[in-house]
Amino acid sequence: MEIVLHHYPMSPFAELARVAHGLKDLDYRSVIIPSIMPKPGLVALTGGYARTPVLQIGADLYCDTAKIIDALEAHTPRPSLYPAPLGDLHRMLAGWAGAAQFTAHVGAALGSLPPGALPQAFIDDRKARFGLDMASLARATPHLASQAVTAATWLDAVLADGRAFVGGDAAGHADLAFYSNLWFVRGRAAGTPAEQAIAALPNLSAWYDRVAAFGHGRPVEASADDALALARAATPDLGEDVDASSGFTAGQRVKVRTDGSGDAPVEGQLLRLSPRGIAVVRDLDGGGHVVVNFPRLGQMVLPA
């Protein structure tokens, strides 16, 4: 089944997914989506979810990098993104990198930009959808940048014993999550005190280059129409697994909303709901249906 990655070049979360494709040496179709709303091609598939990136395997869609990594791991188990000895500890470390540390790195990357450096349309989009206020971010930047530098210093210390990656000889999910945050700072805030402090850490710099060397796999450019056609032609995974303690039942009409996002919820029939994730099936306009998958953490499930 063909893999499709819906993304745009400057997204740090998309960079995490791209390097995961590189580590697993994957062929895939690359659909470049807008960085701001509207995103009609993507929303036609997901039914509302518009964050970046989204992975598509046939008629199964995977939202959020946590679920994307799970899907890639199931599709291509080797090399694993959860190698020993850390195993699932990679998932926990990646969760920290994608939450508080992501906010810190956004501050380090964007908070010091001069007025006009970001398009006003981008600023307006992020304010409406996520509450981003550039003036508040600028005031918080010294603190946020210090948090990014502190995390980088910790990682440099972890690597000081000569290990190649966070868990040892093999890279995993945590490496990709830490890397994508630093990639964003290096790309957006080169020459700032925080970026220079991070770049001066020798163990971290060598590790960064090792992760970057995985590349992005072998993408082939595709369009939103191509992706929609692939979805229509495929059959999604319709297996049911709803935790009895959840208060929901398989087949129930639900809405799934990302916590802290102003995007529209995804509505559909519930297929799966457990600590392993959420899945709903929804009909495509014009025929066919897809299954939209989410991680459990960070997602609200509500009766429709």
Protein backbone atom coordinates (compact mmCIF):
# COMPACT_ATOMS: atom_id res chain seq x y z
CA MET A 1 0.00 0.00 0.00
CA GLU A 2 1.42 3.38 -1.01
CA ILE A 3 2.43 5.91 1.63
CA VAL A 4 1.52 9.59 1.25
CA LEU A 5 2.88 12.34 3.48
CA HIS A 6 0.88 15.59 3.59
CA HIS A 7 3.24 18.32 4.81
CA TYR A 8 4.95 21.62 4.11
CA PRO A 9 8.71 22.29 4.15
CA MET A 10 9.13 24.52 7.23
CA SER A 11 7.03 22.50 9.69
CA PRO A 12 9.17 21.01 12.50
CA PHE A 13 6.69 18.21 13.09
CA ALA A 14 6.78 17.44 9.37
CA GLU A 15 10.57 17.32 9.58
CA LEU A 16 10.25 14.66 12.28
CA ALA A 17 8.07 12.59 9.96
CA ARG A 18 10.35 13.16 6.97
CA VAL A 19 13.43 11.95 8.87
CA ALA A 20 11.45 8.92 10.09
CA HIS A 21 10.91 8.07 6.42
CA GLY A 22 14.63 8.52 5.88
CA LEU A 23 15.60 6.30 8.79
CA LYS A 24 13.31 3.57 7.47
CA ASP A 25 14.48 4.16 3.88
CA LEU A 26 10.94 4.52 2.53
CA ASP A 27 9.46 5.45 -0.83
CA TYR A 28 6.43 7.71 -0.52
CA ARG A 29 4.34 10.34 -2.24
CA SER A 30 4.83 13.89 -1.02
CA VAL A 31 1.83 16.23 -1.06
CA ILE A 32 2.74 19.81 -0.16
CA ILE A 33 -0.12 21.48 1.69
CA PRO A 34 -0.58 25.16 2.59
CA SER A 35 1.00 26.31 5.84
CA ILE A 36 -2.18 28.21 6.74
CA MET A 37 -5.90 27.71 6.35
CA PRO A 38 -7.74 26.93 4.16
CA LYS A 39 -6.40 23.47 3.35
CA PRO A 40 -9.16 22.05 1.17
CA GLY A 41 -7.28 19.03 -0.14
CA LEU A 42 -6.30 17.83 3.33
CA VAL A 43 -9.63 18.56 4.98
CA ALA A 44 -11.45 16.70 2.19
CA LEU A 45 -9.69 13.60 3.51
CA THR A 46 -9.63 14.18 7.27
CA GLY A 47 -13.00 15.90 7.66
CA GLY A 48 -11.56 18.77 9.68
CA TYR A 49 -8.12 17.99 11.06
CA ALA A 50 -5.71 20.46 9.46
CA ARG A 51 -2.50 20.28 11.47
CA THR A 52 0.75 19.23 9.85
CA PRO A 53 1.74 16.55 9.00
CA VAL A 54 -0.80 13.86 8.13
CA LEU A 55 0.25 10.41 6.93
CA GLN A 56 -1.92 8.45 4.52
CA ILE A 57 -1.59 4.75 3.80
CA GLY A 58 -4.30 3.92 1.30
CA ALA A 59 -7.59 4.93 2.94
CA ASP A 60 -6.14 5.08 6.46
CA LEU A 61 -5.12 8.54 7.70
CA TYR A 62 -2.86 9.16 10.68
CA CYS A 63 -2.94 12.50 12.50
CA ASP A 64 -0.23 13.77 14.88
CA THR A 65 3.38 12.59 14.73
CA ALA A 66 2.79 10.16 17.62
CA LYS A 67 0.27 8.24 15.52
CA ILE A 68 2.34 8.68 12.35
CA ILE A 69 5.35 7.04 13.98
CA ASP A 70 3.15 4.13 15.14
CA ALA A 71 1.83 3.69 11.60
CA LEU A 72 5.31 3.73 10.05
CA GLU A 73 6.51 1.25 12.67
CA ALA A 74 3.66 -1.13 11.80
CA HIS A 75 4.20 -0.66 8.06
CA THR A 76 7.98 -1.14 8.16
CA PRO A 77 9.08 -2.65 11.48
CA ARG A 78 12.82 -2.59 10.77
CA PRO A 79 14.76 -0.59 11.68
CA SER A 80 12.61 0.03 14.73
CA LEU A 81 11.94 3.51 16.05
CA TYR A 82 11.75 1.97 19.53
CA PRO A 83 15.08 0.14 19.75
CA ALA A 84 16.43 -1.45 22.92
CA PRO A 85 17.39 -0.61 25.57
CA LEU A 86 14.96 2.33 25.78
CA GLY A 87 12.08 0.75 23.87
CA ASP A 88 8.88 2.64 24.71
CA LEU A 89 10.84 5.17 26.76
CA HIS A 90 11.48 6.74 23.35
CA ARG A 91 7.74 7.49 23.23
CA MET A 92 7.78 9.22 26.62
CA LEU A 93 10.84 11.32 25.78
CA ALA A 94 9.31 12.26 22.42
CA GLY A 95 6.15 13.31 24.23
CA TRP A 96 8.15 15.74 26.38
CA ALA A 97 9.95 17.08 23.30
CA GLY A 98 6.64 17.63 21.52
CA ALA A 99 4.93 19.43 24.41
CA ALA A 100 6.73 21.83 26.77
CA GLN A 101 9.97 21.66 24.84
CA PHE A 102 8.24 22.32 21.55
CA THR A 103 6.85 25.56 23.01
CA ALA A 104 10.32 26.49 24.22
CA HIS A 105 11.85 25.91 20.81
CA VAL A 106 9.09 27.87 19.07
CA GLY A 107 9.99 30.78 21.33
CA ALA A 108 13.69 30.38 20.59
CA ALA A 109 12.99 30.14 16.85
CA LEU A 110 10.34 32.80 16.33
CA GLY A 111 10.34 35.11 19.33
CA SER A 112 13.39 37.11 18.26
CA LEU A 113 12.35 37.62 14.66
CA PRO A 114 12.07 41.27 13.61
CA PRO A 115 8.65 42.70 12.69
CA GLY A 116 7.64 41.64 9.20
CA ALA A 117 9.81 38.52 9.16
CA LEU A 118 6.70 36.32 9.20
CA PRO A 119 3.83 36.89 6.79
CA GLN A 120 0.86 38.55 8.49
CA ALA A 121 -1.40 35.82 7.13
CA PHE A 122 0.69 33.21 8.98
CA ILE A 123 0.52 35.19 12.23
CA ASP A 124 -3.24 35.65 11.89
CA ASP A 125 -3.72 31.94 11.19
CA ARG A 126 -1.74 30.81 14.24
CA LYS A 127 -3.50 33.32 16.47
CA ALA A 128 -6.96 32.17 15.37
CA ARG A 129 -6.16 28.47 15.56
CA PHE A 130 -3.73 28.22 18.48
CA GLY A 131 -3.85 31.55 20.30
CA LEU A 132 -0.35 32.61 19.25
CA ASP A 133 0.34 36.25 20.11
CA MET A 134 3.66 37.51 18.76
CA ALA A 135 3.99 40.31 21.31
CA SER A 136 3.50 37.87 24.19
CA LEU A 137 5.88 35.41 22.56
CA ALA A 138 8.57 38.10 22.25
CA ARG A 139 8.25 38.93 25.96
CA ALA A 140 8.53 35.26 26.87
CA THR A 141 11.41 34.53 24.50
CA PRO A 142 14.32 35.00 26.96
CA HIS A 143 12.75 32.44 29.28
CA LEU A 144 11.71 30.07 26.50
CA ALA A 145 15.13 30.24 24.84
CA SER A 146 16.77 29.40 28.17
CA GLN A 147 14.61 26.29 28.40
CA ALA A 148 15.66 25.18 24.92
CA VAL A 149 19.34 25.73 25.76
CA THR A 150 18.95 23.82 29.02
CA ALA A 151 17.38 20.83 27.26
CA ALA A 152 20.15 20.91 24.66
CA THR A 153 22.77 20.96 27.42
CA TRP A 154 21.13 17.93 29.06
CA LEU A 155 21.17 16.07 25.76
CA ASP A 156 24.81 16.98 25.19
CA ALA A 157 25.61 15.50 28.61
CA VAL A 158 23.72 12.29 27.77
CA LEU A 159 25.82 11.95 24.62
CA ALA A 160 29.11 12.68 26.40
CA ASP A 161 29.79 8.97 27.05
CA GLY A 162 30.28 8.41 23.33
CA ARG A 163 26.91 6.91 22.46
CA ALA A 164 25.74 7.65 18.93
CA PHE A 165 22.10 8.30 19.80
CA VAL A 166 19.91 8.93 22.82
CA GLY A 167 19.49 5.24 23.65
CA GLY A 168 22.80 3.90 22.38
CA ASP A 169 23.86 2.67 18.96
CA ALA A 170 20.44 2.95 17.23
CA ALA A 171 18.32 6.05 16.67
CA GLY A 172 14.70 6.11 17.79
CA HIS A 173 11.60 8.26 18.13
CA ALA A 174 13.18 10.42 20.86
CA ASP A 175 16.13 11.30 18.63
CA LEU A 176 13.79 12.44 15.88
CA ALA A 177 11.68 14.53 18.26
CA PHE A 178 14.67 16.31 19.81
CA TYR A 179 16.21 16.77 16.38
CA SER A 180 13.12 18.38 14.83
CA ASN A 181 12.96 21.00 17.60
CA LEU A 182 16.61 21.90 17.11
CA TRP A 183 16.19 21.87 13.32
CA PHE A 184 13.51 24.54 13.71
CA VAL A 185 15.75 26.76 15.85
CA ARG A 186 18.73 26.36 13.53
CA GLY A 187 16.61 27.16 10.48
CA ARG A 188 14.78 30.16 11.91
CA ALA A 189 17.09 31.68 14.53
CA ALA A 190 20.62 31.24 13.18
CA GLY A 191 23.04 33.60 14.88
CA THR A 192 20.87 34.31 17.92
CA PRO A 193 22.47 33.78 21.36
CA ALA A 194 20.35 30.67 21.97
CA GLU A 195 21.21 29.11 18.61
CA GLN A 196 24.90 29.87 19.09
CA ALA A 197 24.88 28.35 22.59
CA ILE A 198 23.26 25.19 21.23
CA ALA A 199 25.65 25.01 18.25
CA ALA A 200 28.64 25.22 20.62
CA LEU A 201 27.73 21.91 22.31
CA PRO A 202 30.10 19.41 20.66
CA ASN A 203 28.39 16.11 21.45
CA LEU A 204 25.02 17.52 20.46
CA SER A 205 26.34 18.91 17.18
CA ALA A 206 27.85 15.57 16.15
CA TRP A 207 24.60 13.77 17.08
CA TYR A 208 22.56 16.33 15.12
CA ASP A 209 24.60 15.62 12.00
CA ARG A 210 24.13 11.87 12.43
CA VAL A 211 20.34 12.25 12.60
CA ALA A 212 20.28 14.69 9.67
CA ALA A 213 22.24 12.14 7.62
CA PHE A 214 19.22 9.81 7.58
CA GLY A 215 17.70 12.19 5.04
CA HIS A 216 14.05 12.14 4.00
CA GLY A 217 13.71 8.82 2.20
CA ARG A 218 12.61 8.88 -1.44
CA PRO A 219 9.66 11.25 -1.91
CA VAL A 220 7.84 11.58 -5.23
CA GLU A 221 5.77 14.71 -5.75
CA ALA A 222 2.01 14.18 -5.81
CA SER A 223 -1.12 16.32 -5.69
CA ALA A 224 -4.08 16.45 -3.32
CA ASP A 225 -6.20 14.97 -6.12
CA ASP A 226 -3.77 12.05 -6.40
CA ALA A 227 -4.07 11.41 -2.67
CA LEU A 228 -7.85 11.53 -2.79
CA ALA A 229 -7.92 9.08 -5.69
CA LEU A 230 -5.68 6.69 -3.76
CA ALA A 231 -8.02 6.88 -0.77
CA ARG A 232 -11.11 6.20 -2.89
CA ALA A 233 -9.47 3.15 -4.46
CA ALA A 234 -8.37 1.59 -1.15
CA THR A 235 -10.12 -0.22 1.70
CA PRO A 236 -9.34 1.08 5.20
CA ASP A 237 -8.87 -0.96 8.37
CA LEU A 238 -12.39 -1.25 9.79
CA GLY A 239 -11.46 -3.38 12.80
CA GLU A 240 -13.28 -2.43 16.02
CA ASP A 241 -11.71 -2.13 19.47
CA VAL A 242 -13.50 0.20 21.90
CA ASP A 243 -12.48 0.04 25.56
CA ALA A 244 -15.58 -0.90 27.55
CA SER A 245 -14.60 1.48 30.35
CA SER A 246 -14.56 4.49 27.99
CA GLY A 247 -18.32 5.06 28.04
CA PHE A 248 -18.44 4.85 24.24
CA THR A 249 -19.47 2.01 21.92
CA ALA A 250 -18.29 0.91 18.49
CA GLY A 251 -20.38 2.49 15.74
CA GLN A 252 -21.36 5.47 17.88
CA ARG A 253 -21.28 8.86 16.17
CA VAL A 254 -18.52 10.96 17.77
CA LYS A 255 -16.42 14.06 17.28
CA VAL A 256 -12.66 14.10 17.85
CA ARG A 257 -11.12 17.45 18.67
CA THR A 258 -7.45 18.23 19.23
CA ASP A 259 -6.94 19.80 22.65
CA GLY A 260 -5.85 23.44 22.34
CA SER A 261 -6.70 23.75 18.66
CA GLY A 262 -9.29 25.95 16.99
CA ASP A 263 -9.63 23.58 14.04
CA ALA A 264 -12.92 21.86 13.31
CA PRO A 265 -13.42 18.46 14.95
CA VAL A 266 -13.47 15.28 12.91
CA GLU A 267 -16.86 13.59 13.00
CA GLY A 268 -17.51 9.95 12.20
CA GLN A 269 -18.44 6.53 13.49
CA LEU A 270 -16.20 5.27 16.26
CA LEU A 271 -14.15 2.19 15.45
CA ARG A 272 -11.37 2.14 18.02
CA LEU A 273 -10.86 3.86 21.37
CA SER A 274 -8.22 2.75 23.85
CA PRO A 275 -4.90 3.96 25.27
CA ARG A 276 -3.43 2.86 21.92
CA GLY A 277 -5.43 5.45 19.99
CA ILE A 278 -8.68 6.61 18.43
CA ALA A 279 -10.11 5.78 15.01
CA VAL A 280 -13.26 6.97 13.29
CA VAL A 281 -14.63 6.09 9.87
CA ARG A 282 -16.05 8.88 7.74
CA ASP A 283 -17.56 9.10 4.27
CA LEU A 284 -15.79 11.04 1.55
CA ASP A 285 -17.74 13.52 -0.52
CA GLY A 286 -18.46 11.85 -3.84
CA GLY A 287 -18.09 8.29 -2.56
CA GLY A 288 -15.73 6.10 -0.61
CA HIS A 289 -14.71 6.27 3.00
CA VAL A 290 -11.59 6.66 5.09
CA VAL A 291 -10.53 5.89 8.64
CA VAL A 292 -8.95 8.78 10.54
CA ASN A 293 -6.58 7.73 13.33
CA PHE A 294 -5.39 9.78 16.31
CA PRO A 295 -3.22 9.16 19.35
CA ARG A 296 -5.16 9.02 22.62
CA LEU A 297 -3.14 11.70 24.39
CA GLY A 298 -4.11 15.23 23.39
CA GLN A 299 -7.41 14.29 21.76
CA MET A 300 -10.93 14.81 23.11
CA VAL A 301 -13.68 12.35 22.14
CA LEU A 302 -17.21 13.78 22.38
CA PRO A 303 -20.63 12.43 21.44
CA ALA A 304 -21.73 13.89 18.10
